[in-house]
Amino acid sequence: MSEQKYLSVTALTKYIKYKFDHDDHLKHVLLKGEVSNFKRHSRGHFYLTLKDDQSQISAIMFAGNASKVKFTPEDGMSILVEGYISVFEASGQYQIYINKMTEDGLGNLHVAFEQLKKKLSSEGLFEQSHKKDIPRFPSAIGVLTSPTGAAVRDIIHIVNRRFPLSRIIVYPTLVQGEYAKDDIVKNIQLANKQKLVDVLIVGRGGGSIEDLWAFNEESVARAIYDSLLPIISSVGHETDFTISDFVADLRAPTPSGAAELAVPSQTEMLSYIERLKAGATTNMRRLHQEKRNGFNKTMASYVFESPERLIEAKSRKFDYLLDKLMLLSPVKRLEQSEKDLQKTTKALQEYYVNILRQKEYRYQMMLKELAGNSPLNIMQKGYSMVKKEGVIIKSVEDLAVGDLLSVVMKDGTLSTKVMTKRKDDKHGKNENI
């Protein structure tokens, strides 16, 4: 039995890779699938998985090719890719290396347009609150467009016809091709730096979406948004819309329309001035008539017909003020104060006499009441008071046999001694104690 030879994993992987790389069917592959697990590397590479209902394959698109894709792949998006199949030796996994990518059913530019529009809208670049007013009477207008195209000729012709007082400064600008976006951004920034114009018209004539694409670039949109000068966007024809139209302060359907929006019409202004003149004349006539009527009315008033009546009114007012002044004179006020003092003094005296009489009457009544309750008056009826050592005795219990007493009568006092004492009970019976 011959000795068997084993391959290394690396050798087998290299062999399989060699087979993939030399298979003509795998060198140019067209695939349709749904995006899954999409990731954009910091270096610009795309990593994703392409799948259908039954299978999936890993995919990579290097930065050089990825930079040419106008849209950003998203999970769930159906795409068409062109590339080749090879093996990634480190993992032993075969995958497709994508060279071109488009969205299934829509062109790349359309997808990129919608994605950028959604992005900038979410950031607020389309908000009306950020838009600047277009000056009504611009002294100078800047035009960013091709110097040889029909658009610039139309703008110049219309501005000169409508409002020849405005100067026109043309900033020759590339409006189509790979370098157009950079040229547009540069000239917008230049116009803002020079400050020679009051408003900018940025645009070009019509064309395909590819021709107009410079005005769908993010850098151009942000330059328009950052501009301190108000910008009128005029790209393509009436049905054409670009990202620049949404960001600009005002959108015109065509370059000719932009010129009409940028300046007023001198014909309309002259007509307006004539209307103002006619209105002013009418108003002046009306005002003159009103003033004349007022003058006639004034001249017919009693002041001019009977001026003495005006003096009489002033005289009556003077008399009234003089009378009021006399009432407020210090002498008058002093006399009145003396009268008030005499009146108050008299009232106080009468009040004092009445109080004295009341007090005297009450005093006499109290004397009578006191006399009626005096023990001396009771003694006049035959009663007397018994005292022991100066204290009035009220009960026999307060005395003892042998106590010396004083008996006070109405006309004198006698001394006595208790020989016996007897107490009456509650039934009136006597009891010796």
Protein backbone atom coordinates (compact mmCIF):
# COMPACT_ATOMS: atom_id res chain seq x y z
CA MET A 1 0.00 0.00 0.00
CA SER A 2 1.49 3.28 -1.15
CA GLU A 3 1.93 6.11 1.33
CA GLN A 4 -0.95 8.71 1.22
CA LYS A 5 -0.08 12.41 0.89
CA TYR A 6 -2.11 14.97 2.90
CA LEU A 7 -2.62 18.57 1.76
CA SER A 8 -2.53 21.56 4.04
CA VAL A 9 -5.60 23.76 4.33
CA THR A 10 -3.69 26.61 2.73
CA ALA A 11 -2.68 24.46 -0.24
CA LEU A 12 -6.26 23.31 -0.80
CA THR A 13 -7.58 26.86 -0.47
CA LYS A 14 -5.02 28.18 -2.96
CA TYR A 15 -5.98 25.39 -5.38
CA ILE A 16 -9.67 26.22 -5.11
CA LYS A 17 -8.92 29.91 -5.54
CA TYR A 18 -6.87 29.12 -8.63
CA LYS A 19 -9.82 27.21 -10.08
CA PHE A 20 -12.17 30.14 -9.40
CA ASP A 21 -9.81 32.71 -10.84
CA HIS A 22 -9.27 30.77 -14.07
CA ASP A 23 -12.89 29.89 -14.70
CA ASP A 24 -14.11 32.12 -17.54
CA HIS A 25 -17.68 31.83 -16.28
CA LEU A 26 -16.70 33.40 -12.95
CA LYS A 27 -14.61 36.26 -14.31
CA HIS A 28 -17.60 38.34 -15.30
CA VAL A 29 -20.72 37.62 -13.30
CA LEU A 30 -24.01 39.52 -13.35
CA LEU A 31 -26.03 39.09 -10.16
CA LYS A 32 -29.38 40.30 -8.89
CA GLY A 33 -30.15 40.12 -5.20
CA GLU A 34 -31.33 41.77 -2.01
CA VAL A 35 -28.89 43.71 0.17
CA SER A 36 -28.32 42.42 3.70
CA ASN A 37 -25.81 43.27 6.46
CA PHE A 38 -24.51 46.31 4.59
CA LYS A 39 -21.49 48.09 6.10
CA ARG A 40 -19.38 50.97 4.85
CA HIS A 41 -15.75 50.70 5.97
CA SER A 42 -13.91 53.81 7.18
CA ARG A 43 -11.64 53.42 4.13
CA GLY A 44 -14.65 53.54 1.78
CA HIS A 45 -15.10 49.79 1.03
CA PHE A 46 -18.62 48.28 0.85
CA TYR A 47 -19.26 45.00 2.66
CA LEU A 48 -22.61 43.30 2.20
CA THR A 49 -24.48 40.06 1.59
CA LEU A 50 -26.52 39.40 -1.56
CA LYS A 51 -29.39 37.00 -1.07
CA ASP A 52 -32.56 35.64 -2.60
CA ASP A 53 -35.24 33.29 -1.26
CA GLN A 54 -32.93 30.26 -1.06
CA SER A 55 -29.27 31.33 -1.06
CA GLN A 56 -26.83 34.09 -0.21
CA ILE A 57 -23.30 35.17 -1.10
CA SER A 58 -20.85 37.55 0.56
CA ALA A 59 -19.83 40.58 -1.46
CA ILE A 60 -17.22 43.30 -1.29
CA MET A 61 -16.80 46.47 -3.34
CA PHE A 62 -13.48 48.27 -2.93
CA ALA A 63 -13.37 52.04 -2.35
CA GLY A 64 -12.27 52.90 -5.90
CA ASN A 65 -15.41 51.36 -7.38
CA ALA A 66 -17.65 52.25 -4.40
CA SER A 67 -16.92 55.96 -4.83
CA LYS A 68 -18.58 55.85 -8.27
CA VAL A 69 -21.89 54.59 -6.86
CA LYS A 70 -24.27 57.54 -6.66
CA PHE A 71 -26.52 56.01 -4.00
CA THR A 72 -25.98 54.33 -0.67
CA PRO A 73 -27.02 50.66 -0.49
CA GLU A 74 -29.50 49.86 2.25
CA ASP A 75 -30.66 46.58 3.75
CA GLY A 76 -33.67 45.26 1.85
CA MET A 77 -32.78 47.10 -1.37
CA SER A 78 -32.80 45.06 -4.59
CA ILE A 79 -29.65 45.74 -6.64
CA LEU A 80 -27.89 44.64 -9.83
CA VAL A 81 -24.12 44.04 -9.63
CA GLU A 82 -21.29 43.18 -11.99
CA GLY A 83 -18.11 41.54 -10.76
CA TYR A 84 -16.06 38.38 -10.46
CA ILE A 85 -16.05 35.41 -8.09
CA SER A 86 -12.96 34.54 -6.06
CA VAL A 87 -11.96 32.98 -2.75
CA PHE A 88 -10.85 34.92 0.32
CA GLU A 89 -8.02 32.69 1.50
CA ALA A 90 -8.02 33.75 5.14
CA SER A 91 -11.57 32.41 5.68
CA GLY A 92 -11.73 29.96 2.77
CA GLN A 93 -14.96 31.68 1.72
CA TYR A 94 -15.89 32.45 -1.85
CA GLN A 95 -17.46 35.83 -2.55
CA ILE A 96 -18.23 38.25 -5.34
CA TYR A 97 -15.97 41.24 -5.87
CA ILE A 98 -18.27 43.96 -7.23
CA ASN A 99 -17.11 46.37 -9.93
CA LYS A 100 -20.45 48.07 -10.74
CA MET A 101 -23.70 48.45 -8.82
CA THR A 102 -27.13 49.80 -9.75
CA GLU A 103 -30.49 49.58 -8.05
CA ASP A 104 -32.90 47.15 -9.59
CA GLY A 105 -35.69 48.99 -11.42
CA LEU A 106 -34.27 52.52 -10.89
CA GLY A 107 -31.19 54.31 -12.13
CA ASN A 108 -28.36 55.16 -9.77
CA LEU A 109 -28.88 58.90 -10.17
CA HIS A 110 -32.53 58.71 -9.25
CA VAL A 111 -31.75 56.70 -6.11
CA ALA A 112 -28.95 59.09 -5.15
CA PHE A 113 -31.30 62.06 -5.71
CA GLU A 114 -33.97 60.66 -3.38
CA GLN A 115 -31.43 59.67 -0.73
CA LEU A 116 -29.76 63.09 -0.65
CA LYS A 117 -33.12 64.85 -0.70
CA LYS A 118 -34.25 62.84 2.31
CA LYS A 119 -30.99 63.48 4.16
CA LEU A 120 -30.91 67.23 3.63
CA SER A 121 -34.60 67.57 4.39
CA SER A 122 -34.11 65.82 7.73
CA GLU A 123 -31.32 68.29 8.52
CA GLY A 124 -33.64 71.24 7.87
CA LEU A 125 -31.93 72.65 4.76
CA PHE A 126 -35.27 72.96 2.97
CA GLU A 127 -37.07 74.78 5.80
CA GLN A 128 -38.79 78.01 4.81
CA SER A 129 -37.55 79.70 8.00
CA HIS A 130 -33.97 79.60 6.64
CA LYS A 131 -34.80 81.25 3.32
CA LYS A 132 -33.80 84.88 2.73
CA ASP A 133 -35.94 87.52 1.05
CA ILE A 134 -35.08 88.55 -2.50
CA PRO A 135 -34.36 92.33 -2.65
CA ARG A 136 -37.08 94.20 -4.51
CA PHE A 137 -34.78 96.67 -6.28
CA PRO A 138 -31.34 95.06 -6.63
CA SER A 139 -28.56 97.37 -7.76
CA ALA A 140 -26.48 94.42 -9.02
CA ILE A 141 -27.29 90.82 -9.94
CA GLY A 142 -24.79 87.97 -10.04
CA VAL A 143 -25.29 85.17 -12.58
CA LEU A 144 -23.52 81.82 -12.07
CA THR A 145 -23.83 79.89 -15.30
CA SER A 146 -22.02 79.06 -18.51
CA PRO A 147 -20.92 82.29 -20.23
CA THR A 148 -21.68 80.84 -23.67
CA GLY A 149 -25.07 79.21 -23.05
CA ALA A 150 -28.51 80.48 -23.95
CA ALA A 151 -29.39 80.86 -20.27
CA VAL A 152 -27.05 83.79 -19.66
CA ARG A 153 -28.24 85.58 -22.82
CA ASP A 154 -31.88 85.19 -21.75
CA ILE A 155 -31.13 86.51 -18.25
CA ILE A 156 -29.21 89.55 -19.53
CA HIS A 157 -31.89 90.38 -22.10
CA ILE A 158 -34.78 90.18 -19.63
CA VAL A 159 -33.01 92.13 -16.86
CA ASN A 160 -32.07 94.92 -19.28
CA ARG A 161 -35.61 95.06 -20.59
CA ARG A 162 -37.37 94.95 -17.25
CA PHE A 163 -35.03 96.95 -14.99
CA PRO A 164 -31.99 98.44 -16.74
CA LEU A 165 -30.86 100.14 -13.50
CA SER A 166 -29.52 96.79 -12.27
CA ARG A 167 -25.96 95.87 -13.21
CA ILE A 168 -25.22 92.26 -14.20
CA ILE A 169 -22.06 90.47 -13.11
CA VAL A 170 -21.51 87.09 -14.77
CA TYR A 171 -19.44 84.49 -12.92
CA PRO A 172 -18.37 82.09 -15.71
CA THR A 173 -19.13 78.65 -14.27
CA LEU A 174 -19.00 75.05 -15.39
CA VAL A 175 -22.53 73.68 -15.14
CA GLN A 176 -21.99 70.16 -16.51
CA GLY A 177 -19.41 67.46 -16.10
CA GLU A 178 -17.16 66.01 -13.43
CA TYR A 179 -15.70 69.34 -12.23
CA ALA A 180 -18.90 71.37 -12.41
CA LYS A 181 -19.85 70.95 -8.73
CA ASP A 182 -16.50 72.30 -7.52
CA ASP A 183 -16.73 75.28 -9.88
CA ILE A 184 -20.25 76.13 -8.73
CA VAL A 185 -19.23 75.98 -5.05
CA LYS A 186 -16.14 78.10 -5.71
CA ASN A 187 -18.07 80.86 -7.49
CA ILE A 188 -20.84 80.98 -4.86
CA GLN A 189 -18.18 81.48 -2.20
CA LEU A 190 -16.40 84.05 -4.37
CA ALA A 191 -19.57 86.11 -4.87
CA ASN A 192 -20.20 86.09 -1.12
CA LYS A 193 -16.64 87.19 -0.47
CA GLN A 194 -16.65 90.04 -3.03
CA LYS A 195 -20.09 91.36 -2.01
CA LEU A 196 -20.56 93.09 -5.37
CA VAL A 197 -24.14 91.92 -5.94
CA ASP A 198 -27.41 91.87 -4.02
CA VAL A 199 -28.74 88.54 -5.32
CA LEU A 200 -27.38 85.50 -7.20
CA ILE A 201 -29.00 83.55 -10.02
CA VAL A 202 -27.54 80.03 -10.10
CA GLY A 203 -28.53 77.67 -12.90
CA ARG A 204 -28.45 76.56 -16.51
CA GLY A 205 -30.72 75.50 -19.36
CA GLY A 206 -32.48 72.16 -19.58
CA GLY A 207 -30.99 68.71 -20.18
CA SER A 208 -31.00 65.13 -19.01
CA ILE A 209 -30.64 64.19 -15.37
CA GLU A 210 -26.98 63.48 -16.06
CA ASP A 211 -26.54 66.96 -17.54
CA LEU A 212 -28.18 68.60 -14.52
CA TRP A 213 -26.49 66.39 -11.96
CA ALA A 214 -24.01 69.02 -10.71
CA PHE A 215 -26.99 70.78 -9.10
CA ASN A 216 -27.88 67.58 -7.22
CA GLU A 217 -24.50 67.35 -5.50
CA GLU A 218 -24.42 67.71 -1.70
CA SER A 219 -21.51 70.18 -1.76
CA VAL A 220 -23.48 72.51 -4.06
CA ALA A 221 -26.58 72.26 -1.86
CA ARG A 222 -24.60 73.15 1.25
CA ALA A 223 -22.86 76.07 -0.50
CA ILE A 224 -26.27 77.49 -1.44
CA TYR A 225 -27.53 76.99 2.11
CA ASP A 226 -24.44 78.70 3.62
CA SER A 227 -24.60 81.67 1.22
CA LEU A 228 -25.21 85.03 2.85
CA LEU A 229 -26.46 86.36 -0.49
CA PRO A 230 -30.01 85.32 -1.43
CA ILE A 231 -29.98 82.78 -4.27
CA ILE A 232 -32.53 82.11 -7.01
CA SER A 233 -32.18 78.61 -8.44
CA SER A 234 -33.02 78.21 -12.15
CA VAL A 235 -32.01 74.77 -13.37
CA GLY A 236 -33.51 73.15 -16.48
CA HIS A 237 -37.12 73.57 -17.52
CA GLU A 238 -40.35 73.91 -15.57
CA THR A 239 -40.69 70.17 -14.93
CA ASP A 240 -37.07 69.71 -13.83
CA PHE A 241 -36.37 69.76 -10.09
CA THR A 242 -32.93 69.54 -8.51
CA ILE A 243 -31.68 69.54 -4.93
CA SER A 244 -30.52 73.13 -5.50
CA ASP A 245 -34.12 74.15 -6.13
CA PHE A 246 -35.17 72.91 -2.68
CA VAL A 247 -32.29 74.60 -0.84
CA ALA A 248 -32.33 77.95 -2.69
CA ASP A 249 -34.18 80.95 -1.28
CA LEU A 250 -36.38 81.02 -4.39
CA ARG A 251 -36.90 78.56 -7.23
CA ALA A 252 -37.53 79.73 -10.79
CA PRO A 253 -38.84 77.29 -13.41
CA THR A 254 -36.38 78.56 -16.04
CA PRO A 255 -33.44 81.01 -16.30
CA SER A 256 -35.82 83.50 -17.96
CA GLY A 257 -38.19 83.09 -15.03
CA ALA A 258 -35.30 83.73 -12.62
CA ALA A 259 -34.55 87.05 -14.35
CA GLU A 260 -38.19 88.09 -14.02
CA LEU A 261 -38.22 87.18 -10.32
CA ALA A 262 -34.93 89.00 -9.66
CA VAL A 263 -36.00 92.45 -10.88
CA PRO A 264 -39.24 94.40 -11.11
CA SER A 265 -40.73 95.42 -14.45
CA GLN A 266 -40.06 99.04 -15.32
CA THR A 267 -43.30 99.10 -17.32
CA GLU A 268 -45.24 97.91 -14.32
CA MET A 269 -43.36 100.34 -12.09
CA LEU A 270 -44.13 103.28 -14.39
CA SER A 271 -47.77 102.25 -14.45
CA TYR A 272 -47.71 101.95 -10.67
CA ILE A 273 -46.08 105.39 -10.37
CA GLU A 274 -48.78 106.88 -12.61
CA ARG A 275 -51.44 105.33 -10.39
CA LEU A 276 -49.70 106.75 -7.33
CA LYS A 277 -49.47 110.16 -9.01
CA ALA A 278 -53.16 110.11 -9.88
CA GLY A 279 -54.03 109.01 -6.36
CA ALA A 280 -51.81 111.70 -4.86
CA THR A 281 -53.46 114.37 -7.03
CA THR A 282 -56.92 113.22 -5.98
CA ASN A 283 -55.88 113.14 -2.33
CA MET A 284 -54.35 116.63 -2.54
CA ARG A 285 -57.53 118.02 -4.07
CA ARG A 286 -59.65 116.37 -1.42
CA LEU A 287 -57.34 117.61 1.35
CA HIS A 288 -57.36 121.14 -0.12
CA GLN A 289 -61.15 121.14 -0.18
CA GLU A 290 -61.32 119.84 3.40
CA LYS A 291 -58.95 122.59 4.57
CA ARG A 292 -60.94 125.24 2.70
CA ASN A 293 -64.19 124.04 4.23
CA GLY A 294 -62.56 124.10 7.63
CA PHE A 295 -61.31 127.64 7.07
CA ASN A 296 -64.75 128.86 5.98
CA LYS A 297 -66.32 127.20 9.01
CA THR A 298 -63.80 128.85 11.30
CA MET A 299 -64.32 132.28 9.79
CA ALA A 300 -68.07 131.86 10.28
CA SER A 301 -67.74 131.04 13.98
CA TYR A 302 -68.87 133.48 16.70
CA VAL A 303 -65.24 134.23 17.64
CA PHE A 304 -64.79 136.15 14.44
CA GLU A 305 -68.33 137.44 14.18
CA SER A 306 -68.61 138.56 17.85
CA PRO A 307 -65.14 138.58 19.43
CA GLU A 308 -66.53 140.27 22.59
CA ARG A 309 -68.28 136.97 23.39
CA LEU A 310 -64.90 135.35 23.77
CA ILE A 311 -63.90 138.11 26.25
CA GLU A 312 -67.18 137.67 28.16
CA ALA A 313 -66.49 133.98 28.62
CA LYS A 314 -62.99 134.68 29.86
CA SER A 315 -64.35 137.42 32.21
CA ARG A 316 -66.91 135.04 33.72
CA LYS A 317 -64.20 132.48 34.29
CA PHE A 318 -62.00 135.17 35.91
CA ASP A 319 -64.81 136.15 38.33
CA TYR A 320 -65.33 132.52 39.26
CA LEU A 321 -61.64 132.02 39.98
CA LEU A 322 -61.51 135.27 41.99
CA ASP A 323 -64.46 134.18 44.17
CA LYS A 324 -62.82 130.83 44.71
CA LEU A 325 -59.55 132.58 45.64
CA MET A 326 -61.36 134.75 48.20
CA LEU A 327 -62.87 131.66 49.78
CA LEU A 328 -59.42 130.19 50.09
CA SER A 329 -57.94 133.43 51.54
CA PRO A 330 -56.12 132.93 54.94
CA VAL A 331 -58.19 135.74 56.50
CA LYS A 332 -61.44 134.05 55.49
CA ARG A 333 -60.19 130.72 56.71
CA LEU A 334 -59.11 132.28 60.06
CA GLU A 335 -62.52 133.90 60.56
CA GLN A 336 -64.22 130.62 59.83
CA SER A 337 -61.88 128.82 62.22
CA GLU A 338 -62.76 131.29 65.03
CA LYS A 339 -66.46 130.71 64.41
CA ASP A 340 -65.93 126.97 64.50
CA LEU A 341 -63.94 127.31 67.79
CA GLN A 342 -66.69 129.36 69.47
CA LYS A 343 -69.31 126.88 68.36
CA THR A 344 -67.26 123.95 69.65
CA THR A 345 -66.55 125.73 73.00
CA LYS A 346 -70.25 126.41 73.55
CA ALA A 347 -71.10 122.81 72.77
CA LEU A 348 -68.48 121.58 75.26
CA GLN A 349 -69.81 123.85 78.01
CA GLU A 350 -73.38 122.63 77.49
CA TYR A 351 -72.16 119.09 77.49
CA TYR A 352 -70.22 119.68 80.75
CA VAL A 353 -73.29 121.21 82.50
CA ASN A 354 -75.45 118.25 81.45
CA ILE A 355 -72.89 115.78 82.75
CA LEU A 356 -72.64 117.66 86.09
CA ARG A 357 -76.42 117.64 86.48
CA GLN A 358 -76.58 113.90 85.81
CA LYS A 359 -73.83 113.17 88.34
CA GLU A 360 -75.50 115.36 91.00
CA TYR A 361 -78.85 113.65 90.48
CA ARG A 362 -77.26 110.19 90.80
CA TYR A 363 -75.44 111.31 93.97
CA GLN A 364 -78.69 112.37 95.63
CA MET A 365 -80.32 109.07 94.72
CA MET A 366 -77.43 107.10 96.21
CA LEU A 367 -77.64 109.15 99.45
CA LYS A 368 -81.32 108.30 99.76
CA GLU A 369 -80.64 104.62 99.14
CA LEU A 370 -77.79 104.66 101.68
CA ALA A 371 -79.92 106.38 104.29
CA GLY A 372 -82.68 103.83 103.79
CA ASN A 373 -80.28 101.00 104.49
CA SER A 374 -78.52 102.69 107.50
CA PRO A 375 -78.77 100.78 110.88
CA LEU A 376 -79.44 104.07 112.66
CA ASN A 377 -82.67 104.49 110.73
CA ILE A 378 -83.70 100.95 111.68
CA MET A 379 -83.02 101.72 115.33
CA GLN A 380 -85.58 104.53 115.16
CA LYS A 381 -88.16 101.76 114.95
CA GLY A 382 -87.04 100.19 118.28
CA TYR A 383 -84.27 97.90 117.17
CA SER A 384 -80.80 97.82 118.70
CA MET A 385 -77.38 96.28 118.04
CA VAL A 386 -75.51 93.94 120.36
CA LYS A 387 -71.70 94.14 120.28
CA LYS A 388 -69.05 92.15 122.02
CA GLU A 389 -65.73 93.87 122.10
CA GLY A 390 -66.86 96.10 119.20
CA VAL A 391 -68.05 93.17 117.04
CA ILE A 392 -71.72 92.89 116.16
CA ILE A 393 -73.24 89.67 117.49
CA LYS A 394 -75.57 87.85 115.11
CA SER A 395 -76.19 84.54 116.99
CA VAL A 396 -76.50 83.36 120.60
CA GLU A 397 -73.91 80.74 119.71
CA ASP A 398 -71.35 83.53 119.52
CA LEU A 399 -71.90 84.30 123.25
CA ALA A 400 -71.22 82.60 126.52
CA VAL A 401 -72.75 83.16 129.97
CA GLY A 402 -70.82 85.90 131.71
CA ASP A 403 -69.81 87.75 128.49
CA LEU A 404 -69.91 91.52 128.76
CA LEU A 405 -71.93 93.15 125.98
CA SER A 406 -72.68 96.62 124.64
CA VAL A 407 -76.21 97.34 123.48
CA VAL A 408 -76.44 100.19 120.98
CA MET A 409 -79.77 102.00 120.82
CA LYS A 410 -80.98 105.00 118.87
CA ASP A 411 -80.10 107.42 121.57
CA GLY A 412 -77.22 105.74 123.40
CA THR A 413 -75.30 102.65 124.50
CA LEU A 414 -75.67 100.49 127.63
CA SER A 415 -73.48 97.71 129.07
CA THR A 416 -74.87 94.33 130.21
CA LYS A 417 -73.74 90.87 131.10
CA VAL A 418 -75.05 87.52 129.81
CA MET A 419 -76.74 85.77 132.68
CA THR A 420 -78.36 82.96 130.69
CA LYS A 421 -78.86 82.13 126.99
CA ARG A 422 -81.56 80.27 125.20
CA LYS A 423 -81.79 79.23 121.55
CA ASP A 424 -84.98 78.78 119.55
CA ASP A 425 -85.12 75.62 117.39
CA LYS A 426 -86.53 75.51 113.89
CA HIS A 427 -90.04 74.86 115.26
CA GLY A 428 -89.94 77.93 117.51
CA LYS A 429 -89.39 76.03 120.76
CA ASN A 430 -87.05 77.30 123.39
CA GLU A 431 -84.13 75.35 124.64
CA ASN A 432 -81.76 76.36 127.48
CA ILE A 433 -78.13 75.99 126.64
